[in-house]
N, C-alpha and C. Protein backbone atom coordinates (compact mmCIF):
# COMPACT_ATOMS: atom_id res chain seq x y z
N MET A 1 -7.97 -132.91 83.54
CA MET A 1 -7.28 -133.40 82.55
C MET A 1 -7.17 -133.63 81.21
N ALA A 2 -5.83 -133.71 81.25
CA ALA A 2 -4.91 -133.63 79.43
C ALA A 2 -6.17 -133.92 78.84
N ARG A 3 -6.22 -133.38 77.43
CA ARG A 3 -6.39 -133.54 76.07
C ARG A 3 -5.52 -134.65 75.59
N PRO A 4 -6.09 -135.62 75.08
CA PRO A 4 -5.52 -136.38 73.83
C PRO A 4 -4.25 -135.80 73.65
N SER A 5 -4.39 -134.93 72.86
CA SER A 5 -3.34 -133.98 71.99
C SER A 5 -1.77 -133.66 73.23
N ASP A 6 -2.11 -133.21 74.39
CA ASP A 6 -1.71 -132.81 75.44
C ASP A 6 -0.46 -133.89 76.06
N THR A 7 -1.60 -134.99 75.97
CA THR A 7 -0.43 -136.23 76.44
C THR A 7 0.15 -137.03 75.42
N ARG A 8 -0.23 -137.16 74.04
CA ARG A 8 0.59 -137.35 72.89
C ARG A 8 1.95 -136.54 73.57
N GLN A 9 1.55 -135.32 73.28
CA GLN A 9 2.99 -134.36 72.91
C GLN A 9 3.93 -134.90 74.41
N ARG A 10 3.58 -134.99 75.55
CA ARG A 10 4.39 -135.47 76.91
C ARG A 10 5.10 -136.73 76.42
N ILE A 11 3.94 -137.51 76.12
CA ILE A 11 4.69 -139.15 75.71
C ILE A 11 5.86 -138.75 74.55
N LEU A 12 5.74 -138.10 73.84
CA LEU A 12 6.71 -137.88 72.70
C LEU A 12 8.02 -137.23 73.41
N HIS A 13 7.97 -136.22 74.42
CA HIS A 13 8.95 -135.31 74.75
C HIS A 13 9.38 -136.30 75.78
N THR A 14 8.73 -136.74 76.93
CA THR A 14 9.18 -137.89 77.78
C THR A 14 10.03 -139.04 76.84
N ALA A 15 9.63 -139.67 76.16
CA ALA A 15 10.33 -140.50 75.33
C ALA A 15 11.33 -140.20 74.61
N ARG A 16 11.48 -139.19 73.64
CA ARG A 16 12.82 -138.49 73.60
C ARG A 16 13.61 -137.90 74.16
N GLU A 17 13.83 -137.72 75.18
CA GLU A 17 14.66 -137.90 76.48
C GLU A 17 14.77 -139.08 77.16
N LEU A 18 13.95 -139.84 77.16
CA LEU A 18 14.55 -141.92 77.67
C LEU A 18 15.57 -142.07 76.22
N PHE A 19 15.19 -141.90 75.32
CA PHE A 19 15.78 -142.39 74.14
C PHE A 19 17.11 -141.92 73.74
N ALA A 20 17.37 -140.53 74.12
CA ALA A 20 18.78 -139.82 73.71
C ALA A 20 19.46 -140.40 75.15
N THR A 21 18.69 -140.43 76.34
CA THR A 21 20.10 -140.79 77.46
C THR A 21 20.26 -142.49 77.67
N LYS A 22 19.23 -142.96 77.45
CA LYS A 22 19.20 -144.58 77.28
C LYS A 22 19.09 -145.54 76.27
N GLY A 23 19.11 -144.92 74.80
CA GLY A 23 18.72 -145.21 74.12
C GLY A 23 17.06 -145.74 73.49
N VAL A 24 16.70 -146.19 72.28
CA VAL A 24 15.71 -146.66 72.15
C VAL A 24 15.23 -147.83 72.74
N GLN A 25 16.41 -148.88 72.13
CA GLN A 25 16.12 -150.25 72.72
C GLN A 25 16.01 -150.92 73.75
N GLN A 26 16.81 -149.57 74.81
CA GLN A 26 16.77 -149.99 76.19
C GLN A 26 15.90 -149.33 77.06
N THR A 27 14.93 -148.87 76.17
CA THR A 27 14.04 -147.59 76.80
C THR A 27 12.56 -148.18 77.07
N SER A 28 11.79 -148.92 77.92
CA SER A 28 10.75 -149.81 77.91
C SER A 28 9.65 -148.87 77.72
N LEU A 29 8.28 -149.10 77.34
CA LEU A 29 6.97 -148.42 77.14
C LEU A 29 6.75 -147.93 78.77
N GLN A 30 6.61 -149.23 79.25
CA GLN A 30 6.18 -149.45 80.76
C GLN A 30 7.29 -148.45 81.34
N GLU A 31 8.61 -147.78 80.73
CA GLU A 31 9.24 -147.05 81.30
C GLU A 31 8.97 -145.44 81.34
N ILE A 32 8.62 -145.10 79.79
CA ILE A 32 7.93 -143.84 79.62
C ILE A 32 6.82 -143.65 80.36
N ALA A 33 5.51 -145.13 80.49
CA ALA A 33 4.70 -144.74 81.32
C ALA A 33 4.38 -144.14 82.58
N ASP A 34 5.65 -144.43 83.32
CA ASP A 34 5.86 -144.66 84.93
C ASP A 34 6.19 -143.40 84.84
N ARG A 35 7.06 -142.93 84.09
CA ARG A 35 7.92 -141.44 84.17
C ARG A 35 6.58 -140.38 84.38
N LEU A 36 5.91 -140.82 83.32
CA LEU A 36 4.70 -139.74 82.78
C LEU A 36 3.65 -140.10 83.90
N GLY A 37 3.55 -141.09 84.76
CA GLY A 37 2.57 -141.28 85.49
C GLY A 37 0.93 -141.80 85.01
N ILE A 38 1.24 -142.04 83.73
CA ILE A 38 0.12 -142.87 83.17
C ILE A 38 0.49 -144.57 82.87
N THR A 39 -0.60 -145.01 82.83
CA THR A 39 -0.25 -146.52 82.60
C THR A 39 -0.07 -146.81 81.44
N LYS A 40 0.36 -148.10 81.10
CA LYS A 40 0.84 -148.71 79.92
C LYS A 40 -0.58 -148.41 78.79
N PRO A 41 -1.76 -149.03 79.51
CA PRO A 41 -2.84 -148.88 78.09
C PRO A 41 -3.06 -147.67 77.82
N ALA A 42 -2.44 -146.46 78.52
CA ALA A 42 -2.86 -145.34 78.54
C ALA A 42 -2.07 -144.70 77.04
N LEU A 43 -0.70 -145.50 77.36
CA LEU A 43 0.18 -145.08 76.16
C LEU A 43 -0.11 -145.69 75.32
N TYR A 44 -0.48 -146.86 75.15
CA TYR A 44 -0.82 -147.77 74.11
C TYR A 44 -1.69 -147.07 73.27
N TYR A 45 -2.61 -145.89 74.23
CA TYR A 45 -3.70 -145.57 73.26
C TYR A 45 -3.29 -144.40 72.23
N HIS A 46 -2.49 -144.13 72.74
CA HIS A 46 -1.38 -142.71 71.59
C HIS A 46 -0.50 -143.60 70.60
N PHE A 47 0.26 -145.00 71.11
CA PHE A 47 1.34 -145.13 70.41
C PHE A 47 1.29 -146.59 70.20
N ALA A 48 1.00 -147.18 69.27
CA ALA A 48 0.72 -148.52 69.52
C ALA A 48 1.70 -149.71 69.63
N SER A 49 2.82 -148.85 69.40
CA SER A 49 4.52 -149.72 69.44
C SER A 49 5.56 -148.60 69.76
N ARG A 50 6.46 -148.82 69.94
CA ARG A 50 7.83 -148.41 69.80
C ARG A 50 7.93 -147.74 69.03
N GLU A 51 8.08 -149.06 68.01
CA GLU A 51 8.33 -148.20 66.53
C GLU A 51 7.40 -147.13 66.01
N GLU A 52 6.30 -147.19 66.54
CA GLU A 52 5.60 -145.95 66.13
C GLU A 52 5.59 -144.73 66.65
N LEU A 53 6.34 -144.90 68.11
CA LEU A 53 6.62 -143.61 68.82
C LEU A 53 8.11 -143.14 68.38
N VAL A 54 9.05 -143.88 67.88
CA VAL A 54 10.00 -143.78 66.98
C VAL A 54 9.82 -142.95 66.22
N ARG A 55 9.28 -143.28 65.16
CA ARG A 55 8.42 -142.67 63.65
C ARG A 55 7.76 -141.22 64.32
N SER A 56 6.94 -141.22 64.85
CA SER A 56 6.27 -139.83 65.25
C SER A 56 7.29 -139.14 65.46
N ILE A 57 8.64 -139.50 65.99
CA ILE A 57 9.34 -138.63 66.64
C ILE A 57 10.35 -137.77 65.46
N VAL A 58 10.48 -138.80 64.37
CA VAL A 58 11.49 -138.70 63.24
C VAL A 58 10.50 -138.12 62.18
N THR A 59 9.58 -138.47 62.12
CA THR A 59 8.54 -138.14 60.66
C THR A 59 8.76 -136.15 60.53
N PRO A 60 8.43 -135.79 61.69
CA PRO A 60 8.57 -133.83 61.27
C PRO A 60 9.81 -133.57 60.66
N LEU A 61 10.96 -134.55 61.11
CA LEU A 61 12.29 -133.95 60.79
C LEU A 61 12.35 -134.37 59.22
N LEU A 62 11.88 -135.60 59.36
CA LEU A 62 12.13 -136.26 57.71
C LEU A 62 11.02 -135.39 56.61
N ASP A 63 9.82 -134.87 57.22
CA ASP A 63 9.17 -134.50 56.55
C ASP A 63 9.30 -133.01 56.35
N ASP A 64 10.07 -132.09 57.38
CA ASP A 64 10.54 -130.96 56.65
C ASP A 64 12.17 -131.08 56.01
N GLY A 65 12.65 -132.07 56.03
CA GLY A 65 14.08 -132.56 55.29
C GLY A 65 13.60 -132.63 53.54
N GLU A 66 12.52 -133.26 53.53
CA GLU A 66 12.10 -133.31 52.42
C GLU A 66 11.39 -132.05 51.29
N GLN A 67 10.68 -131.65 52.04
CA GLN A 67 10.06 -130.53 51.23
C GLN A 67 11.03 -129.34 51.55
N PHE A 68 12.64 -129.03 52.40
CA PHE A 68 13.19 -127.98 52.02
C PHE A 68 13.98 -128.65 50.79
N LEU A 69 14.26 -130.26 50.36
CA LEU A 69 14.54 -130.59 48.95
C LEU A 69 13.95 -130.45 47.71
N ALA A 70 12.77 -130.78 48.40
CA ALA A 70 11.61 -130.72 46.99
C ALA A 70 11.79 -129.01 46.53
N ARG A 71 11.50 -128.46 47.61
CA ARG A 71 12.07 -126.70 46.82
C ARG A 71 12.84 -126.51 46.57
N MET A 72 13.87 -126.89 47.19
CA MET A 72 15.22 -126.56 46.07
C MET A 72 15.42 -126.87 44.64
N GLU A 73 14.95 -128.55 44.37
CA GLU A 73 14.68 -128.81 43.51
C GLU A 73 13.75 -128.35 42.38
N ARG A 74 12.71 -127.91 42.70
CA ARG A 74 11.96 -126.92 42.22
C ARG A 74 12.32 -125.39 41.64
N ARG A 75 13.92 -125.00 42.36
CA ARG A 75 13.84 -123.85 42.11
C ARG A 75 14.87 -123.85 40.81
N GLU A 76 15.00 -123.00 40.03
CA GLU A 76 15.53 -122.46 38.75
C GLU A 76 16.77 -121.89 39.17
N ASP A 77 16.35 -121.11 39.97
CA ASP A 77 17.77 -120.34 40.47
C ASP A 77 18.38 -120.75 41.63
N VAL A 78 18.57 -121.86 42.11
CA VAL A 78 19.01 -122.51 43.44
C VAL A 78 20.47 -122.12 43.08
N THR A 79 21.17 -122.13 43.94
CA THR A 79 22.74 -121.51 44.43
C THR A 79 23.04 -123.06 44.90
N PRO A 80 24.43 -123.18 44.83
CA PRO A 80 25.05 -124.12 45.89
C PRO A 80 25.06 -123.68 47.57
N LEU A 81 25.27 -122.37 47.36
CA LEU A 81 25.56 -121.52 48.51
C LEU A 81 23.83 -121.33 49.08
N ASP A 82 23.26 -121.37 48.49
CA ASP A 82 21.41 -121.43 48.95
C ASP A 82 21.39 -122.93 49.58
N LEU A 83 21.68 -124.16 48.93
CA LEU A 83 21.54 -125.84 49.58
C LEU A 83 22.47 -125.68 50.67
N VAL A 84 23.99 -125.18 50.95
CA VAL A 84 24.55 -125.25 51.79
C VAL A 84 23.90 -124.48 53.25
N GLU A 85 23.73 -123.34 53.05
CA GLU A 85 22.88 -122.66 54.21
C GLU A 85 21.50 -123.33 54.58
N GLY A 86 20.63 -123.35 53.40
CA GLY A 86 19.58 -123.74 53.94
C GLY A 86 19.28 -125.65 54.43
N PHE A 87 20.52 -126.38 54.16
CA PHE A 87 20.61 -127.32 54.89
C PHE A 87 21.55 -127.45 56.19
N PHE A 88 22.10 -126.34 56.46
CA PHE A 88 22.81 -125.91 57.91
C PHE A 88 21.33 -125.63 58.80
N ASP A 89 20.79 -124.80 57.86
CA ASP A 89 19.43 -124.18 58.67
C ASP A 89 18.48 -125.39 59.08
N PHE A 90 18.11 -126.51 58.19
CA PHE A 90 17.44 -127.68 58.45
C PHE A 90 17.95 -128.22 59.56
N HIS A 91 19.65 -128.67 59.62
CA HIS A 91 20.06 -129.41 60.73
C HIS A 91 19.98 -128.91 61.62
N HIS A 92 20.16 -127.56 62.24
CA HIS A 92 20.06 -126.80 63.05
C HIS A 92 19.06 -126.93 63.88
N ARG A 93 17.74 -126.55 63.32
CA ARG A 93 16.32 -127.17 63.70
C ARG A 93 15.99 -128.10 64.40
N HIS A 94 16.65 -129.24 64.09
CA HIS A 94 16.33 -130.71 63.88
C HIS A 94 17.49 -131.25 64.88
N ARG A 95 18.52 -130.81 65.33
CA ARG A 95 19.63 -131.41 66.20
C ARG A 95 19.48 -131.93 67.39
N LYS A 96 18.40 -131.83 67.90
CA LYS A 96 18.59 -133.09 68.89
C LYS A 96 17.85 -134.35 68.13
N ASP A 97 16.85 -134.16 67.38
CA ASP A 97 16.63 -135.42 66.40
C ASP A 97 17.52 -136.15 66.13
N MET A 98 18.24 -135.08 65.41
CA MET A 98 19.24 -136.24 64.43
C MET A 98 20.42 -137.02 65.66
N LEU A 99 20.62 -135.97 66.41
CA LEU A 99 21.71 -136.81 67.19
C LEU A 99 20.85 -138.07 67.72
N LEU A 100 19.47 -138.11 68.06
CA LEU A 100 19.01 -139.78 68.49
C LEU A 100 18.71 -140.57 67.05
N LEU A 101 19.10 -139.52 66.09
CA LEU A 101 18.88 -140.73 64.76
C LEU A 101 20.29 -141.46 64.41
N LEU A 102 21.29 -140.69 64.57
CA LEU A 102 22.46 -141.31 64.98
C LEU A 102 23.22 -142.06 65.46
N THR A 103 22.54 -141.92 67.22
CA THR A 103 22.97 -143.03 68.26
C THR A 103 22.02 -144.10 67.80
N GLU A 104 21.13 -144.06 67.34
CA GLU A 104 20.01 -145.26 66.90
C GLU A 104 20.10 -145.81 65.35
N LEU A 105 21.21 -146.32 64.88
CA LEU A 105 21.49 -146.72 63.40
C LEU A 105 20.72 -148.03 63.05
N THR A 106 20.75 -148.79 64.28
CA THR A 106 20.09 -150.20 64.15
C THR A 106 18.34 -149.88 64.07
N THR A 107 17.80 -149.30 64.74
CA THR A 107 17.16 -148.86 65.07
C THR A 107 16.03 -148.80 63.83
N LEU A 108 16.88 -147.21 63.17
CA LEU A 108 16.47 -146.55 62.00
C LEU A 108 16.73 -147.27 60.95
N ALA A 109 17.78 -148.50 60.62
CA ALA A 109 18.42 -149.15 59.63
C ALA A 109 16.88 -149.80 59.63
N GLU A 110 16.21 -150.38 60.58
CA GLU A 110 14.84 -151.01 60.70
C GLU A 110 13.99 -150.42 60.11
N LEU A 111 13.79 -149.20 60.83
CA LEU A 111 12.78 -148.59 59.89
C LEU A 111 12.51 -147.99 58.36
N GLY A 112 13.80 -148.47 58.33
CA GLY A 112 14.15 -147.87 56.62
C GLY A 112 14.28 -146.20 56.31
N LEU A 113 15.05 -145.40 57.73
CA LEU A 113 15.02 -144.30 57.54
C LEU A 113 16.47 -143.89 57.56
N ILE A 114 17.63 -144.75 57.39
CA ILE A 114 18.90 -144.59 57.12
C ILE A 114 19.10 -143.99 55.46
N ASP A 115 18.52 -145.22 54.60
CA ASP A 115 17.89 -144.96 53.28
C ASP A 115 17.58 -143.16 53.13
N VAL A 116 16.51 -143.04 53.65
CA VAL A 116 16.25 -141.73 53.23
C VAL A 116 17.14 -140.76 53.18
N VAL A 117 17.72 -140.60 54.28
CA VAL A 117 19.14 -139.53 54.89
C VAL A 117 19.96 -139.81 53.55
N LEU A 118 20.34 -141.25 53.26
CA LEU A 118 21.37 -141.13 52.20
C LEU A 118 20.81 -140.48 50.90
N SER A 119 19.95 -140.72 50.63
CA SER A 119 19.11 -140.17 49.45
C SER A 119 18.86 -138.99 49.15
N TRP A 120 18.69 -138.41 50.46
CA TRP A 120 18.72 -136.65 50.09
C TRP A 120 20.38 -136.32 50.34
N ARG A 121 21.66 -136.95 50.83
CA ARG A 121 22.83 -136.42 50.52
C ARG A 121 22.94 -136.82 48.51
N ALA A 122 22.51 -137.41 48.19
CA ALA A 122 22.27 -137.90 46.58
C ALA A 122 21.80 -136.32 46.08
N ARG A 123 20.77 -136.74 46.48
CA ARG A 123 19.96 -135.28 45.76
C ARG A 123 20.70 -133.88 45.75
N LEU A 124 21.08 -134.00 46.96
CA LEU A 124 22.17 -132.50 47.19
C LEU A 124 23.25 -132.51 46.12
N THR A 125 24.00 -133.37 46.03
CA THR A 125 24.64 -133.65 45.52
C THR A 125 24.96 -133.51 43.92
N ARG A 126 23.82 -134.31 43.25
CA ARG A 126 23.24 -133.91 42.10
C ARG A 126 22.81 -132.38 41.80
N LEU A 127 22.16 -131.80 42.94
CA LEU A 127 21.84 -130.06 42.49
C LEU A 127 23.03 -129.12 42.59
N VAL A 128 23.48 -130.15 43.07
CA VAL A 128 25.42 -128.63 43.16
C VAL A 128 26.39 -129.24 42.23
N PHE A 129 26.43 -130.40 41.28
CA PHE A 129 27.27 -130.78 40.66
C PHE A 129 26.50 -131.23 39.36
N GLY A 130 25.30 -131.87 39.24
CA GLY A 130 24.49 -132.18 37.96
C GLY A 130 24.62 -133.55 38.22
N PRO A 131 23.87 -133.90 37.35
CA PRO A 131 23.05 -135.51 37.46
C PRO A 131 24.28 -136.59 37.55
N GLU A 132 25.37 -135.96 36.89
CA GLU A 132 26.26 -137.37 37.21
C GLU A 132 27.36 -137.07 37.39
N PRO A 133 27.48 -136.22 39.16
CA PRO A 133 29.10 -136.25 39.30
C PRO A 133 29.89 -137.23 39.41
N THR A 134 31.32 -136.55 39.39
CA THR A 134 32.58 -138.01 39.18
C THR A 134 32.69 -138.05 41.00
N LEU A 135 33.48 -138.99 40.88
CA LEU A 135 33.22 -139.70 42.16
C LEU A 135 34.12 -138.81 43.61
N GLU A 136 35.01 -137.66 42.99
CA GLU A 136 35.58 -136.89 43.68
C GLU A 136 34.33 -135.57 44.27
N GLN A 137 33.59 -135.48 43.26
CA GLN A 137 32.39 -134.41 43.48
C GLN A 137 31.32 -134.78 44.72
N GLN A 138 31.29 -136.72 44.36
CA GLN A 138 30.28 -137.16 45.43
C GLN A 138 30.99 -137.10 46.82
N THR A 139 32.22 -137.33 46.93
CA THR A 139 33.11 -137.66 48.36
C THR A 139 33.08 -136.04 48.78
N ARG A 140 33.41 -135.23 48.02
CA ARG A 140 33.27 -133.89 48.49
C ARG A 140 31.94 -132.94 48.97
N ALA A 141 30.91 -133.69 48.38
CA ALA A 141 29.20 -133.49 48.96
C ALA A 141 29.39 -134.61 50.22
N VAL A 142 29.88 -135.49 50.43
CA VAL A 142 29.60 -136.26 51.33
C VAL A 142 30.54 -135.34 52.72
N LEU A 143 32.01 -135.42 52.48
CA LEU A 143 32.08 -134.54 53.61
C LEU A 143 31.74 -133.34 53.77
N ALA A 144 31.18 -132.44 52.78
CA ALA A 144 30.38 -131.22 53.01
C ALA A 144 29.54 -131.28 53.79
N PHE A 145 28.36 -132.34 53.25
CA PHE A 145 26.69 -132.38 54.24
C PHE A 145 26.57 -133.31 55.27
N GLY A 146 28.02 -134.11 55.23
CA GLY A 146 27.63 -134.70 56.53
C GLY A 146 28.34 -134.05 57.55
N GLY A 147 29.78 -133.30 57.25
CA GLY A 147 30.28 -132.63 58.28
C GLY A 147 29.17 -131.52 58.55
N MET A 148 28.39 -130.91 57.77
CA MET A 148 27.65 -129.78 58.33
C MET A 148 26.48 -130.61 59.11
N GLN A 149 26.09 -132.05 59.00
CA GLN A 149 25.17 -132.18 59.98
C GLN A 149 25.86 -132.58 61.10
N ASP A 150 27.38 -132.95 61.28
CA ASP A 150 27.99 -133.10 62.54
C ASP A 150 28.28 -131.91 63.09
N CYS A 151 28.60 -130.88 62.67
CA CYS A 151 28.88 -129.57 63.37
C CYS A 151 27.35 -128.93 64.28
N THR A 152 26.31 -129.35 63.71
CA THR A 152 25.61 -128.59 64.26
C THR A 152 25.00 -129.52 65.61
N MET A 153 25.53 -130.68 65.94
CA MET A 153 25.43 -131.55 66.88
C MET A 153 27.02 -131.54 67.78
N GLN A 154 27.95 -131.18 67.12
CA GLN A 154 28.85 -130.96 67.77
C GLN A 154 29.36 -129.95 68.79
N PHE A 155 28.58 -128.78 68.36
CA PHE A 155 28.84 -127.46 69.10
C PHE A 155 27.68 -127.15 69.82
N PRO A 156 26.61 -127.64 70.55
CA PRO A 156 25.33 -127.46 70.48
C PRO A 156 25.19 -126.32 71.52
N ASP A 157 26.13 -125.56 72.29
CA ASP A 157 26.52 -124.35 72.81
C ASP A 157 27.23 -122.74 72.04
N ALA A 158 27.48 -123.39 70.76
CA ALA A 158 27.93 -122.23 70.09
C ALA A 158 27.00 -121.30 69.70
N GLU A 159 26.80 -120.11 69.53
CA GLU A 159 26.17 -119.03 69.01
C GLU A 159 26.04 -119.36 67.48
N VAL A 160 24.74 -119.16 67.56
CA VAL A 160 24.04 -120.00 65.96
C VAL A 160 24.27 -119.60 65.04
N GLY A 161 24.63 -117.77 65.02
CA GLY A 161 25.11 -117.24 63.44
C GLY A 161 26.64 -117.73 63.72
N GLU A 162 27.40 -117.32 64.71
CA GLU A 162 28.96 -117.87 64.47
C GLU A 162 29.17 -119.27 64.15
N LEU A 163 28.53 -120.42 64.38
CA LEU A 163 28.20 -121.62 63.89
C LEU A 163 27.54 -121.90 62.32
N ARG A 164 26.72 -120.96 62.02
CA ARG A 164 26.54 -121.09 60.64
C ARG A 164 27.37 -120.73 59.69
N ALA A 165 27.84 -119.51 60.16
CA ALA A 165 29.11 -118.68 59.41
C ALA A 165 30.36 -119.90 59.08
N ALA A 166 30.96 -120.55 59.84
CA ALA A 166 31.79 -121.44 60.44
C ALA A 166 31.67 -122.64 59.53
N THR A 167 30.13 -123.10 59.51
CA THR A 167 29.82 -124.06 59.14
C THR A 167 29.68 -123.96 57.68
N VAL A 168 28.95 -123.03 57.26
CA VAL A 168 28.76 -123.00 55.94
C VAL A 168 30.35 -122.48 55.03
N LYS A 169 31.19 -121.76 55.47
CA LYS A 169 32.57 -121.46 54.87
C LYS A 169 33.08 -122.83 54.72
N ALA A 170 33.14 -123.61 55.77
CA ALA A 170 33.83 -125.02 55.44
C ALA A 170 33.31 -125.92 54.76
N ALA A 171 31.94 -126.07 54.82
CA ALA A 171 31.39 -126.60 53.60
C ALA A 171 31.51 -126.03 52.23
N SER A 172 31.22 -125.31 52.17
CA SER A 172 31.38 -124.20 50.93
C SER A 172 32.86 -124.48 50.05
N ALA A 173 34.07 -124.81 51.00
CA ALA A 173 35.58 -124.86 50.67
C ALA A 173 35.44 -126.39 50.14
N ALA A 174 34.86 -127.13 50.80
CA ALA A 174 34.80 -128.58 51.03
C ALA A 174 34.12 -129.08 49.24
N LEU A 175 33.36 -128.55 49.16
CA LEU A 175 32.64 -128.50 47.78
C LEU A 175 33.35 -127.72 46.50
N GLY A 176 34.49 -126.91 47.08
CA GLY A 176 34.93 -125.95 45.84
C GLY A 176 33.93 -125.10 45.28
N ILE A 177 33.25 -124.36 46.56
CA ILE A 177 32.31 -123.30 45.61
C ILE A 177 32.59 -121.77 46.13
N GLY A 178 33.45 -122.09 47.25
CA GLY A 178 33.69 -120.60 48.03
C GLY A 178 35.15 -120.46 48.38
């Protein structure tokens, strides 16, 4: 018999796959249970609701993003290039879950997660341009950081080193730092 943590991980994996192909709202908890060959009550033992299941999928991404930003904000010697490279690495690590986030904007808005992601961009903008960036600087940052996020999802088959170099170069140019 599988340990509860194994079952929990299997549920997360299966839910992630179904959410990515069908959408969060179009995937029933019964469908997830059926795919795994478990009962719906067994699924509820691990996750009380679809919302809890979605949160469990995106929480590691959110925690990692918050840790990255907090580390950058604590550093006195952080450079814009450090931010751009680190932000690429973060997004590449989490590209599959970011794709889920973007395809389920309504669900994410209901969970309050869009505000978190937007606040990250504002924090990154202040780290690059200072506490009161101009509108032009803010738009450069949105293009750079949002574009980096898009590049990690748009080119899933690209060699990571090549994609990183091209994305960092383009984002640096958008920011006016390279």
